[in-house]
Structure formats: structure tokens, C-alpha cells
Protein backbone atom coordinates (compact mmCIF):
# COMPACT_ATOMS: atom_id res chain seq x y z
CA MET A 1 106.72 104.99 107.83
CA PRO A 2 103.38 103.49 108.76
CA VAL A 3 102.53 99.84 108.40
CA LEU A 4 98.96 99.29 107.27
CA LYS A 5 97.21 95.96 107.59
CA PHE A 6 94.45 95.22 105.10
CA ASP A 7 91.68 94.71 107.68
CA GLU A 8 92.63 97.89 109.54
CA VAL A 9 92.29 100.20 106.55
CA PRO A 10 88.69 101.16 105.83
CA TYR A 11 87.36 101.03 102.29
CA GLU A 12 86.38 104.32 100.70
CA MET A 13 83.27 103.97 98.56
CA VAL A 14 83.92 105.92 95.36
CA ARG A 15 80.60 104.90 93.83
CA LYS A 16 78.32 101.88 93.94
CA GLY A 17 80.41 98.92 92.78
CA LEU A 18 83.77 100.67 93.29
CA GLU A 19 85.68 100.77 96.58
CA ARG A 20 89.33 101.60 97.26
CA LYS A 21 92.04 101.59 99.92
CA ILE A 22 95.03 103.95 99.74
CA ILE A 23 98.55 104.09 101.15
CA HIS A 24 101.10 106.73 100.19
CA THR A 25 104.35 108.47 100.96
CA SER A 26 105.16 112.01 99.86
CA ASN A 27 105.97 110.83 96.29
CA LEU A 28 104.36 107.42 95.72
CA MET A 29 100.77 106.22 96.06
CA ASN A 30 99.33 102.70 95.93
CA VAL A 31 95.59 102.25 95.51
CA LEU A 32 93.76 98.93 95.90
CA ILE A 33 90.58 99.10 93.82
CA ASP A 34 87.75 96.58 94.06
CA PHE A 35 85.10 96.57 91.34
CA THR A 36 81.94 94.52 91.96
CA ASP A 37 79.57 95.81 89.27
CA GLY A 38 80.78 93.97 86.16
CA PRO A 39 80.75 92.88 83.53
CA TRP A 40 80.31 96.20 81.75
CA GLU A 41 78.74 96.53 78.30
CA LYS A 42 81.16 99.33 77.41
CA PRO A 43 84.33 100.88 78.85
CA GLU A 44 84.42 103.83 81.20
CA PRO A 45 85.19 107.15 79.47
CA MET A 46 88.84 107.71 78.53
CA HIS A 47 90.80 109.93 80.92
CA SER A 48 94.34 111.15 81.47
CA HIS A 49 96.30 112.64 84.35
CA PRO A 50 99.78 114.05 84.89
CA HIS A 51 100.76 111.09 87.10
CA GLU A 52 102.73 108.08 85.89
CA GLN A 53 100.73 104.92 86.59
CA THR A 54 101.35 101.20 86.79
CA SER A 55 98.59 98.69 87.50
CA TYR A 56 98.52 95.06 88.56
CA VAL A 57 95.41 92.96 87.89
CA ALA A 58 95.00 90.95 91.09
CA GLU A 59 91.59 89.43 90.29
CA GLY A 60 89.22 89.19 87.34
CA LYS A 61 89.54 90.14 83.69
CA ILE A 62 89.53 93.57 82.10
CA LEU A 63 89.89 95.11 78.68
CA PHE A 64 92.56 97.82 78.82
CA PHE A 65 92.39 100.73 76.37
CA CYS A 66 95.29 103.12 75.85
CA GLU A 67 95.46 105.99 73.38
CA GLY A 68 97.13 104.94 70.12
CA GLU A 69 97.19 101.22 70.99
CA GLU A 70 94.95 98.22 70.37
CA PRO A 71 92.77 97.12 73.34
CA GLU A 72 94.36 94.38 75.46
CA GLU A 73 92.49 91.71 77.42
CA LEU A 74 94.21 91.31 80.79
CA LYS A 75 93.69 88.74 83.55
CA ALA A 76 94.88 88.21 87.12
CA GLY A 77 98.67 88.42 87.21
CA ASP A 78 98.97 90.83 84.26
CA MET A 79 100.25 94.41 84.55
CA PHE A 80 100.11 97.60 82.51
CA ALA A 81 101.77 101.01 82.59
CA VAL A 82 100.46 104.42 81.51
CA PRO A 83 102.77 107.38 80.85
CA SER A 84 101.90 110.84 82.13
CA GLY A 85 99.18 112.53 80.07
CA LYS A 86 98.19 109.48 77.97
CA LYS A 87 94.45 108.75 77.69
CA HIS A 88 93.36 105.33 78.97
CA THR A 89 90.48 103.38 80.50
CA ILE A 90 89.23 99.88 81.30
CA GLN A 91 86.18 97.73 80.75
CA LEU A 92 85.33 94.98 83.24
CA LEU A 93 84.84 91.58 81.61
CA THR A 94 84.00 89.73 84.85
CA LYS A 95 81.63 90.46 87.73
CA ARG A 96 84.53 91.31 90.06
CA ALA A 97 87.97 92.75 89.47
CA ARG A 98 90.74 93.96 91.75
CA LEU A 99 93.46 96.32 90.57
CA VAL A 100 96.49 97.58 92.46
CA ASP A 101 97.46 100.95 91.00
CA SER A 102 100.66 102.88 91.72
CA PHE A 103 100.99 106.60 90.99
CA ASN A 104 103.90 109.03 90.97
CA PRO A 105 103.55 111.71 92.15
CA ILE A 106 100.68 111.02 94.54
CA ARG A 107 97.16 111.84 93.36
CA LYS A 108 96.10 114.59 95.73
CA ASP A 109 92.62 114.41 94.14
CA PHE A 110 92.25 110.96 95.79
CA LEU A 111 92.93 112.29 99.31
């Protein structure tokens, strides 16, 4: 299995204010996401996917929205999980935020 060092993995620019780095095996994917365009006036649109997801808030504050649940304000050190197929989204509450997302199976749409 490869060892990846942070400085050796290039960022992929997804859009202005959103960059990511990815590592994966055949069944598990970790994605480091850096947001730099906050705070946002409103959340991103809700979305769902067939992948199970866990997320760790490494920096900043976000508002986490998940279908059928009350919004939760999360800060660095907090985590959340999203079951397969459940709609969810976030809203940045600070200028910067860093999330570490894990997906199973891997998100081929990210590759």
C-alpha cells in the first residue's frame, strides 16, 4: 500500500474556495477537503449518495444538515456519520474549514 505525505499530494481544485486531496484502497476512500470561501449565507444544496460516509471536522465551524434531523453546529474535533442514501449538506460558519471525509465504497466520481 502506498504511503502519501501531505506535501507530496497535490491539491485538486474542485471549485474556487474548495480544494481536496484523496487517498484510497479498493474499498475505502479518505478525502481531505479545505474550504476557504466562508462563511456562507446559506447551506449548499442537499445531496445523497450510495456511499456510507463519516466526517471529521479538523478546522473551523460548520452547520451540518441531515434529512429528518435538526441542524447541528459542529466545530474542530467533532464528527458526523451519514448512512447510504440519506440527504445531507453543510453550511460554513467560519472563513475556513477543513473536513476529513471517509467513504465506503470508494467514490469513483471523485477519481
